[in-house]
């Protein structure tokens, strides 16, 4: 996306980007927009907020906003978990690139659209010898739970993280895709531990005017090597890089990055 005017754009702008994205789809394919917006509890897409194409810490204000100048480039992404929806969305977006959209108080035009397809099973074998990972939480992350205060959990405990991801995989994987062992979730509760973390909570003020708090930072998980459990433990975390993690994932929250590490 390329900015057409000067202004400020809140750093965690996922809800604004989602509203703009759905507006574009409604104009070009109303039935598609309705389908992905009105789908079940687990919607078949996720997105990543706009961020500067070139990292520049000086562009972030004390109010956690990006300073935007005309011509500034921003990156964003949308991931679909249904091939038919993806094809229809591409057709709607690329029918004509001569359009602009307001995200917050900044007007953006399309600079470039890049389409990629990923086979997550390629990650399965890569996790064979991995049993230490760092999970970076790059946008506010929180989980809805039945045992947390007010039904919300801010700390990314392994059992909550993997419970969420197991359900995500179960919802969006194809019938021909493999499934984790039947006792995988029990194994994650017993064997995966937090070895260190550096996290804090932040509040975002762009979702319907109501402050929304979440966790950012990083947490490290470790587990005993046991195939195929460690492959699933690694692959499901990598899946989170595309599905986002936790509540409000379709609004750009729960954006994560995963890497293995050695002590």
Protein backbone atom coordinates (compact mmCIF):
# COMPACT_ATOMS: atom_id res chain seq x y z
CA UNK A 1 0.00 0.00 0.00
CA UNK A 2 1.22 3.55 -0.75
CA UNK A 3 0.12 6.56 1.31
CA UNK A 4 -1.49 9.45 -0.57
CA UNK A 5 -1.45 12.01 2.25
CA UNK A 6 0.29 12.90 5.49
CA UNK A 7 -1.11 11.79 8.80
CA UNK A 8 -0.81 9.35 11.66
CA UNK A 9 -1.73 5.68 11.65
CA UNK A 10 -2.07 3.76 14.90
CA UNK A 11 0.49 0.99 15.14
CA UNK A 12 -2.02 -1.78 15.85
CA UNK A 13 -4.34 -0.82 13.01
CA UNK A 14 -5.72 -4.28 12.24
CA UNK A 15 -9.38 -3.38 12.94
CA UNK A 16 -9.08 -0.38 10.59
CA UNK A 17 -7.43 -2.50 7.90
CA UNK A 18 -10.11 -5.19 8.28
CA UNK A 19 -12.90 -2.63 7.89
CA UNK A 20 -11.25 -1.23 4.75
CA UNK A 21 -10.60 -4.70 3.32
CA UNK A 22 -14.19 -5.84 3.85
CA UNK A 23 -15.45 -2.58 2.35
CA UNK A 24 -13.47 -3.28 -0.81
CA UNK A 25 -14.84 -6.82 -1.01
CA UNK A 26 -18.42 -5.62 -0.47
CA UNK A 27 -18.04 -3.25 -3.40
CA UNK A 28 -16.59 -5.91 -5.69
CA UNK A 29 -18.10 -9.16 -4.46
CA UNK A 30 -20.85 -8.61 -1.86
CA UNK A 31 -21.62 -12.31 -1.44
CA UNK A 32 -17.96 -13.11 -0.73
CA UNK A 33 -17.70 -10.32 1.85
CA UNK A 34 -20.83 -11.59 3.55
CA UNK A 35 -19.58 -15.17 3.50
CA UNK A 36 -16.28 -14.47 5.26
CA UNK A 37 -17.75 -11.91 7.66
CA UNK A 38 -20.80 -13.94 8.65
CA UNK A 39 -19.09 -17.32 8.79
CA UNK A 40 -18.89 -19.37 11.98
CA UNK A 41 -16.95 -18.65 15.13
CA UNK A 42 -13.63 -19.45 13.43
CA UNK A 43 -13.58 -17.27 10.37
CA UNK A 44 -11.61 -18.59 7.37
CA UNK A 45 -9.10 -15.76 7.24
CA UNK A 46 -6.66 -13.70 9.30
CA UNK A 47 -4.75 -10.51 8.61
CA UNK A 48 -1.65 -8.59 9.60
CA UNK A 49 -1.80 -4.84 10.26
CA UNK A 50 -0.14 -2.28 8.01
CA UNK A 51 3.49 -1.61 8.90
CA UNK A 52 6.17 0.47 7.17
CA UNK A 53 7.86 -1.32 4.30
CA UNK A 54 11.19 -0.10 5.64
CA UNK A 55 11.74 -0.29 9.39
CA UNK A 56 12.34 3.12 10.96
CA UNK A 57 11.86 3.43 14.70
CA UNK A 58 11.87 7.23 14.44
CA UNK A 59 8.56 7.02 12.56
CA UNK A 60 6.79 5.74 15.70
CA UNK A 61 5.46 8.46 18.01
CA UNK A 62 5.09 8.35 21.77
CA UNK A 63 1.40 7.65 21.18
CA UNK A 64 2.42 4.45 19.36
CA UNK A 65 1.44 5.80 15.94
CA UNK A 66 3.26 5.77 12.63
CA UNK A 67 4.10 9.14 11.09
CA UNK A 68 2.97 8.86 7.48
CA UNK A 69 4.12 10.97 4.52
CA UNK A 70 2.82 10.88 0.92
CA UNK A 71 4.59 8.12 -0.98
CA UNK A 72 5.42 6.04 2.11
CA UNK A 73 5.06 2.32 1.46
CA UNK A 74 3.32 -0.03 3.90
CA UNK A 75 3.09 -3.82 3.96
CA UNK A 76 0.04 -5.81 5.02
CA UNK A 77 -1.29 -9.29 4.42
CA UNK A 78 -4.43 -11.40 4.44
CA UNK A 79 -4.36 -15.19 4.74
CA UNK A 80 -7.23 -17.40 3.59
CA UNK A 81 -7.69 -21.02 4.65
CA UNK A 82 -10.13 -21.92 1.89
CA UNK A 83 -8.89 -22.21 -1.69
CA UNK A 84 -12.19 -21.17 -3.26
CA UNK A 85 -12.46 -18.08 -1.07
CA UNK A 86 -8.85 -17.21 -1.90
CA UNK A 87 -9.46 -17.46 -5.65
CA UNK A 88 -12.60 -15.32 -5.43
CA UNK A 89 -10.82 -12.72 -3.30
CA UNK A 90 -7.91 -12.51 -5.74
CA UNK A 91 -10.32 -12.03 -8.63
CA UNK A 92 -12.16 -9.28 -6.73
CA UNK A 93 -9.00 -7.45 -5.69
CA UNK A 94 -7.13 -7.70 -8.97
CA UNK A 95 -10.01 -6.96 -11.31
CA UNK A 96 -8.76 -3.39 -11.19
CA UNK A 97 -5.92 -1.94 -9.11
CA UNK A 98 -7.00 1.62 -9.74
CA UNK A 99 -8.60 2.25 -6.38
CA UNK A 100 -7.80 3.73 -2.99
CA UNK A 101 -9.10 3.24 0.53
CA UNK A 102 -9.01 5.13 3.81
CA UNK A 103 -7.38 3.37 6.73
CA UNK A 104 -7.86 5.63 9.70
CA UNK A 105 -7.20 9.15 8.45
CA UNK A 106 -4.71 8.11 5.77
CA UNK A 107 -5.70 7.33 2.19
CA UNK A 108 -3.81 4.45 0.56
CA UNK A 109 -3.50 3.16 -2.99
CA UNK A 110 -2.37 -0.29 -4.08
CA UNK A 111 1.34 -0.46 -4.80
CA UNK A 112 1.66 -4.21 -5.41
CA UNK A 113 -0.17 -7.46 -4.70
CA UNK A 114 1.81 -10.65 -4.15
CA UNK A 115 0.05 -14.01 -3.88
CA UNK A 116 1.69 -16.99 -2.21
CA UNK A 117 0.53 -20.53 -1.50
CA UNK A 118 1.87 -22.53 1.43
CA UNK A 119 1.80 -26.23 2.19
CA UNK A 120 2.11 -26.41 5.96
CA UNK A 121 3.03 -30.06 5.83
CA UNK A 122 6.42 -28.98 4.47
CA UNK A 123 7.07 -27.63 7.96
CA UNK A 124 6.36 -30.97 9.57
CA UNK A 125 9.71 -32.59 8.84
CA UNK A 126 11.57 -29.37 9.63
CA UNK A 127 10.43 -29.71 13.22
CA UNK A 128 11.84 -33.21 13.67
CA UNK A 129 14.86 -32.11 15.70
CA UNK A 130 13.40 -28.92 17.22
CA UNK A 131 12.46 -28.87 20.89
CA UNK A 132 13.22 -25.25 21.84
CA UNK A 133 11.31 -22.37 20.24
CA UNK A 134 10.84 -18.68 20.83
CA UNK A 135 7.35 -17.36 20.21
CA UNK A 136 7.37 -13.60 19.57
CA UNK A 137 4.06 -11.79 20.09
CA UNK A 138 4.23 -8.84 17.69
CA UNK A 139 0.75 -7.43 18.26
CA UNK A 140 -1.54 -7.54 21.30
CA UNK A 141 -2.43 -11.15 22.06
CA UNK A 142 -5.02 -12.54 24.43
CA UNK A 143 -7.16 -15.63 24.77
CA UNK A 144 -10.76 -16.23 25.70
CA UNK A 145 -10.90 -18.88 28.39
CA UNK A 146 -13.27 -20.33 30.92
CA UNK A 147 -10.82 -20.22 33.83
CA UNK A 148 -9.21 -16.76 33.55
CA UNK A 149 -10.33 -13.54 35.18
CA UNK A 150 -13.37 -12.20 33.29
CA UNK A 151 -12.87 -15.00 30.77
CA UNK A 152 -9.57 -13.58 29.47
CA UNK A 153 -6.02 -14.96 29.68
CA UNK A 154 -3.05 -12.74 28.82
CA UNK A 155 -0.17 -15.11 29.53
CA UNK A 156 0.56 -17.49 26.61
CA UNK A 157 0.60 -20.72 28.61
CA UNK A 158 1.48 -23.76 26.49
CA UNK A 159 -1.81 -25.55 27.21
CA UNK A 160 -3.81 -22.48 26.10
CA UNK A 161 -1.67 -21.79 23.04
CA UNK A 162 -1.74 -25.38 21.83
CA UNK A 163 -5.40 -25.86 22.69
CA UNK A 164 -6.20 -22.89 20.47
CA UNK A 165 -3.94 -24.05 17.64
CA UNK A 166 -5.20 -27.63 17.78
CA UNK A 167 -8.74 -26.33 17.25
CA UNK A 168 -7.54 -24.05 14.44
CA UNK A 169 -5.89 -26.95 12.65
CA UNK A 170 -8.93 -29.15 13.16
CA UNK A 171 -11.16 -26.44 11.66
CA UNK A 172 -9.12 -25.49 8.60
CA UNK A 173 -7.11 -28.57 7.60
CA UNK A 174 -8.31 -30.70 4.70
CA UNK A 175 -9.78 -34.15 5.19
CA UNK A 176 -6.67 -35.66 3.65
CA UNK A 177 -4.32 -33.82 6.00
CA UNK A 178 -2.84 -35.67 8.99
CA UNK A 179 -4.07 -34.98 12.50
CA UNK A 180 -2.07 -34.89 15.73
CA UNK A 181 -1.94 -38.02 17.91
CA UNK A 182 -5.03 -38.49 20.05
CA UNK A 183 -3.12 -37.69 23.26
CA UNK A 184 -1.22 -34.72 21.79
CA UNK A 185 -3.07 -32.08 23.82
CA UNK A 186 -2.44 -34.03 27.03
CA UNK A 187 1.22 -34.27 26.08
CA UNK A 188 1.48 -30.49 25.57
CA UNK A 189 0.00 -29.89 29.02
CA UNK A 190 2.44 -32.26 30.68
CA UNK A 191 5.65 -31.89 28.67
CA UNK A 192 5.88 -28.37 27.21
CA UNK A 193 7.21 -25.80 29.66
CA UNK A 194 8.01 -22.10 29.61
CA UNK A 195 11.75 -21.64 30.05
CA UNK A 196 11.85 -17.81 29.94
CA UNK A 197 9.77 -14.87 28.84
CA UNK A 198 9.75 -11.10 28.44
CA UNK A 199 6.24 -9.80 27.94
CA UNK A 200 4.05 -6.84 28.82
CA UNK A 201 0.47 -5.79 28.21
CA UNK A 202 -0.50 -2.93 25.94
CA UNK A 203 -3.86 -1.35 25.19
CA UNK A 204 -5.16 -0.72 21.69
CA UNK A 205 -7.87 1.90 21.19
CA UNK A 206 -9.11 1.26 17.65
CA UNK A 207 -11.74 -1.46 18.02
CA UNK A 208 -15.13 0.28 18.31
CA UNK A 209 -13.62 2.87 20.63
CA UNK A 210 -13.17 0.31 23.42
CA UNK A 211 -9.58 -0.19 24.67
CA UNK A 212 -8.47 -3.75 24.03
CA UNK A 213 -5.54 -5.09 26.04
CA UNK A 214 -3.16 -7.81 24.96
CA UNK A 215 0.33 -9.15 25.48
CA UNK A 216 3.40 -8.38 23.39
CA UNK A 217 6.98 -9.62 23.80
CA UNK A 218 8.34 -13.14 23.64
CA UNK A 219 8.12 -16.47 25.43
CA UNK A 220 10.29 -19.56 25.04
CA UNK A 221 8.88 -23.09 25.06
CA UNK A 222 10.87 -26.29 25.59
CA UNK A 223 9.89 -29.95 25.50
CA UNK A 224 11.43 -33.40 25.50
CA UNK A 225 12.07 -34.70 22.04
CA UNK A 226 9.53 -37.34 21.10
CA UNK A 227 8.56 -37.96 17.49
CA UNK A 228 6.03 -37.21 16.12
CA UNK A 229 4.94 -34.97 18.99
CA UNK A 230 7.78 -32.49 18.54
CA UNK A 231 6.97 -32.17 14.82
CA UNK A 232 3.38 -31.26 15.68
CA UNK A 233 4.48 -28.92 18.47
CA UNK A 234 6.69 -27.04 16.00
CA UNK A 235 4.34 -27.08 13.01
CA UNK A 236 1.31 -25.81 14.92
CA UNK A 237 3.33 -22.86 16.19
CA UNK A 238 4.45 -22.12 12.62
CA UNK A 239 0.80 -22.38 11.60
CA UNK A 240 0.15 -19.52 14.04
CA UNK A 241 2.36 -17.26 11.89
CA UNK A 242 -0.40 -17.41 9.28
CA UNK A 243 -3.54 -17.94 11.34
CA UNK A 244 -2.59 -15.49 14.13
CA UNK A 245 -3.01 -16.52 17.74
CA UNK A 246 -5.82 -15.97 20.20
CA UNK A 247 -8.90 -13.78 20.11
CA UNK A 248 -9.42 -10.99 17.54
CA UNK A 249 -7.03 -12.70 15.12
CA UNK A 250 -9.04 -11.46 12.13
CA UNK A 251 -8.40 -7.91 13.35
CA UNK A 252 -4.60 -8.21 13.26
CA UNK A 253 -4.18 -9.18 16.89
CA UNK A 254 -2.10 -12.19 17.85
CA UNK A 255 0.49 -11.66 15.11
CA UNK A 256 3.37 -13.98 15.98
CA UNK A 257 6.76 -15.12 14.75
CA UNK A 258 8.41 -18.43 15.63
CA UNK A 259 12.05 -19.44 15.57
CA UNK A 260 14.01 -22.28 17.12
CA UNK A 261 16.91 -21.49 19.42
CA UNK A 262 19.69 -23.09 21.39
CA UNK A 263 20.62 -22.25 24.98
